[in-house]
Protein backbone atom coordinates (compact mmCIF):
# COMPACT_ATOMS: atom_id res chain seq x y z
CA MET A 1 -82.76 -43.81 -66.06
CA TYR A 2 -79.23 -44.64 -67.25
CA GLU A 3 -79.83 -43.09 -70.68
CA GLU A 4 -81.10 -39.88 -69.04
CA PHE A 5 -78.07 -39.83 -66.75
CA LYS A 6 -75.72 -40.35 -69.70
CA ALA A 7 -77.35 -37.45 -71.59
CA GLU A 8 -77.03 -35.15 -68.56
CA VAL A 9 -73.35 -36.02 -68.05
CA ARG A 10 -72.64 -35.39 -71.73
CA GLU A 11 -74.46 -32.05 -71.56
CA ALA A 12 -72.57 -31.04 -68.40
CA SER A 13 -69.28 -31.90 -70.09
CA GLN A 14 -70.08 -29.54 -72.96
CA ARG A 15 -70.70 -26.51 -70.73
CA GLY A 16 -67.04 -25.62 -70.28
CA GLY A 17 -65.30 -25.34 -66.95
CA PRO A 18 -61.50 -25.66 -66.76
CA ALA A 19 -61.63 -27.40 -70.13
CA VAL A 20 -64.49 -28.51 -72.34
CA GLY A 21 -65.33 -32.11 -71.57
CA LEU A 22 -63.95 -32.00 -68.03
CA VAL A 23 -66.40 -32.16 -65.11
CA ALA A 24 -65.73 -32.37 -61.37
CA ILE A 25 -67.49 -35.48 -60.07
CA PRO A 26 -68.52 -33.80 -56.77
CA GLU A 27 -70.09 -30.91 -58.71
CA LEU A 28 -71.88 -33.32 -61.03
CA ARG A 29 -73.18 -35.31 -58.04
CA ARG A 30 -74.57 -32.11 -56.46
CA THR A 31 -76.08 -30.93 -59.77
CA LEU A 32 -77.96 -34.19 -60.28
CA GLY A 33 -79.15 -34.06 -56.67
CA GLU A 34 -82.02 -36.36 -55.93
CA ARG A 35 -82.39 -37.66 -59.51
CA ALA A 36 -80.01 -40.53 -58.71
CA SER A 37 -79.17 -42.17 -55.41
CA ARG A 38 -75.52 -42.31 -54.39
CA GLU A 39 -75.35 -45.97 -55.42
CA GLU A 40 -77.03 -45.29 -58.77
CA PHE A 41 -74.75 -42.31 -59.47
CA ASP A 42 -71.60 -44.32 -58.69
CA GLY A 43 -72.80 -47.27 -60.77
CA TYR A 44 -73.76 -45.09 -63.73
CA VAL A 45 -70.42 -43.25 -63.74
CA LEU A 46 -68.51 -46.53 -63.55
CA ARG A 47 -70.70 -47.90 -66.37
CA LEU A 48 -69.91 -44.85 -68.53
CA HIS A 49 -66.23 -45.57 -67.88
CA ALA A 50 -66.59 -49.29 -68.67
CA GLU A 51 -68.34 -48.41 -71.93
CA GLY A 52 -65.44 -46.14 -72.89
CA LEU A 53 -67.53 -42.96 -72.88
CA VAL A 54 -65.63 -41.20 -70.08
CA HIS A 55 -62.18 -41.18 -68.58
CA LEU A 56 -61.95 -40.89 -64.78
CA MET A 57 -59.08 -39.03 -63.13
CA SER A 58 -57.84 -38.21 -59.66
CA HIS A 59 -57.23 -34.72 -58.24
CA VAL A 60 -53.61 -33.54 -58.23
CA GLU A 61 -53.95 -32.21 -54.67
CA PRO A 62 -56.57 -34.31 -52.87
CA ASP A 63 -55.33 -33.04 -49.49
CA SER A 64 -56.59 -29.58 -50.48
CA LEU A 65 -60.20 -30.78 -50.83
CA THR A 66 -62.81 -30.26 -48.12
CA ALA A 67 -64.34 -33.22 -46.32
CA ASP A 68 -67.66 -32.62 -48.14
CA THR A 69 -65.93 -32.59 -51.51
CA LEU A 70 -63.98 -35.75 -50.70
CA ARG A 71 -67.21 -37.46 -49.69
CA ASP A 72 -68.75 -36.57 -53.06
CA CYS A 73 -65.84 -37.95 -55.08
CA LEU A 74 -65.94 -41.47 -56.46
CA THR A 75 -63.69 -44.32 -55.39
CA ASP A 76 -62.86 -47.08 -57.84
CA GLU A 77 -62.41 -50.77 -57.05
CA THR A 78 -58.71 -50.19 -56.21
CA GLY A 79 -59.53 -47.45 -53.68
CA LEU A 80 -58.31 -44.61 -55.93
CA LEU A 81 -60.14 -41.34 -55.25
CA LEU A 82 -61.58 -40.05 -58.52
CA TYR A 83 -62.38 -36.34 -58.86
CA TRP A 84 -62.57 -35.59 -62.60
CA LEU A 85 -64.68 -37.07 -65.39
CA ARG A 86 -63.77 -36.32 -69.01
CA TRP A 87 -66.26 -37.11 -71.75
CA LEU A 88 -64.39 -38.76 -74.64
């Protein structure tokens, strides 16, 4: 499952958006839907980061995000709210 997830994240990062390689984590979570549980999704994204495949970034204005969007962000072990994923 992880290899499939990795391929889908890479593909999503190549579609464009604000900048090629940059993907909003809440959007990615919604796109993958039921293919990964919340725990699996979080673990896979953190694994991609640990393997040096992605860089995780916060949102510059987290107060402007809706409650639903905030819920779909990722929080790292320090409690930092992560919104963006950039494929390296």
